[in-house]
């Protein structure tokens, strides 16, 4: 009878140890893995937002550069036309 009781205690101890191990694993996952996944998710959100802002800023910038380029070409055309008109009279 004592052997049976000891065996039952051993099984209960083993189950208790497994439960403790499972609890430790659960705590480690909560402490390390979940925060890591959350940080990765936040980084990805920030990257996407930054990409959106870069694209939003790029369009007006490129339009401004194009406008300035057209104006510069117009000024160069006027200047070259003025120079051509001045040459024959010299």
Protein backbone atom coordinates (compact mmCIF):
# COMPACT_ATOMS: atom_id res chain seq x y z
CA UNK A 1 0.00 0.00 0.00
CA UNK A 2 2.83 2.39 0.81
CA UNK A 3 4.41 1.78 -2.60
CA UNK A 4 1.16 2.72 -4.27
CA UNK A 5 0.91 5.90 -2.25
CA UNK A 6 4.51 6.78 -3.03
CA UNK A 7 3.88 6.12 -6.71
CA UNK A 8 0.84 8.41 -6.61
CA UNK A 9 2.88 11.12 -4.97
CA UNK A 10 5.55 10.73 -7.63
CA UNK A 11 2.97 11.06 -10.38
CA UNK A 12 1.46 14.09 -8.67
CA UNK A 13 4.94 15.58 -8.29
CA UNK A 14 5.68 14.94 -11.94
CA UNK A 15 2.40 16.57 -12.99
CA UNK A 16 3.10 19.49 -10.67
CA UNK A 17 6.59 19.87 -12.14
CA UNK A 18 5.16 19.80 -15.67
CA UNK A 19 2.61 22.46 -14.73
CA UNK A 20 5.38 24.61 -13.27
CA UNK A 21 7.46 24.14 -16.43
CA UNK A 22 4.47 25.06 -18.57
CA UNK A 23 3.92 28.17 -16.45
CA UNK A 24 7.57 29.18 -16.83
CA UNK A 25 7.36 28.75 -20.60
CA UNK A 26 4.15 30.78 -20.68
CA UNK A 27 5.77 33.57 -18.67
CA UNK A 28 8.85 33.59 -20.90
CA UNK A 29 6.67 33.81 -24.00
CA UNK A 30 4.73 36.68 -22.44
CA UNK A 31 7.91 38.48 -21.41
CA UNK A 32 9.96 38.06 -24.57
CA UNK A 33 8.11 36.77 -27.62
CA UNK A 34 4.96 38.89 -27.44
CA UNK A 35 6.86 42.17 -26.96
CA UNK A 36 9.18 41.23 -29.82
CA UNK A 37 6.23 40.58 -32.12
CA UNK A 38 4.60 43.84 -31.01
CA UNK A 39 7.79 45.82 -31.68
CA UNK A 40 8.04 44.26 -35.13
CA UNK A 41 4.43 45.16 -35.84
CA UNK A 42 4.94 48.77 -34.71
CA UNK A 43 8.12 49.07 -36.82
CA UNK A 44 6.24 47.84 -39.88
CA UNK A 45 3.42 50.33 -39.25
CA UNK A 46 5.95 53.16 -38.94
CA UNK A 47 7.71 52.08 -42.12
CA UNK A 48 4.43 52.10 -44.03
CA UNK A 49 3.46 55.52 -42.65
CA UNK A 50 6.86 56.96 -43.53
CA UNK A 51 6.58 55.51 -47.03
CA UNK A 52 3.16 57.11 -47.41
CA UNK A 53 4.50 60.51 -46.30
CA UNK A 54 7.50 60.23 -48.63
CA UNK A 55 5.20 59.53 -51.56
CA UNK A 56 2.91 62.39 -50.51
CA UNK A 57 5.85 64.82 -50.35
CA UNK A 58 7.41 63.58 -53.59
CA UNK A 59 4.56 64.66 -55.87
CA UNK A 60 4.52 68.40 -54.94
CA UNK A 61 8.32 68.45 -54.93
CA UNK A 62 8.56 66.93 -58.40
CA UNK A 63 5.84 69.30 -59.69
CA UNK A 64 7.79 72.28 -58.33
CA UNK A 65 11.00 71.07 -59.96
CA UNK A 66 9.16 70.59 -63.24
CA UNK A 67 7.65 74.11 -63.03
CA UNK A 68 11.04 75.67 -62.30
CA UNK A 69 12.60 73.71 -65.15
CA UNK A 70 9.93 74.94 -67.58
CA UNK A 71 10.40 78.52 -66.41
CA UNK A 72 14.17 78.23 -66.76
CA UNK A 73 13.78 76.84 -70.28
CA UNK A 74 11.46 79.73 -71.14
CA UNK A 75 13.99 82.27 -69.83
CA UNK A 76 16.80 80.57 -71.76
CA UNK A 77 14.68 80.63 -74.91
CA UNK A 78 13.98 84.35 -74.48
CA UNK A 79 17.65 85.07 -73.83
CA UNK A 80 18.82 83.06 -76.83
CA UNK A 81 16.22 84.79 -79.02
CA UNK A 82 17.44 88.19 -77.80
CA UNK A 83 21.06 87.22 -78.53
CA UNK A 84 20.16 86.08 -82.06
CA UNK A 85 18.37 89.36 -82.72
CA UNK A 86 21.36 91.39 -81.49
CA UNK A 87 23.96 89.54 -83.61
CA UNK A 88 22.86 90.68 -87.09
CA UNK A 89 22.79 94.33 -86.08
CA UNK A 90 26.38 94.21 -84.81
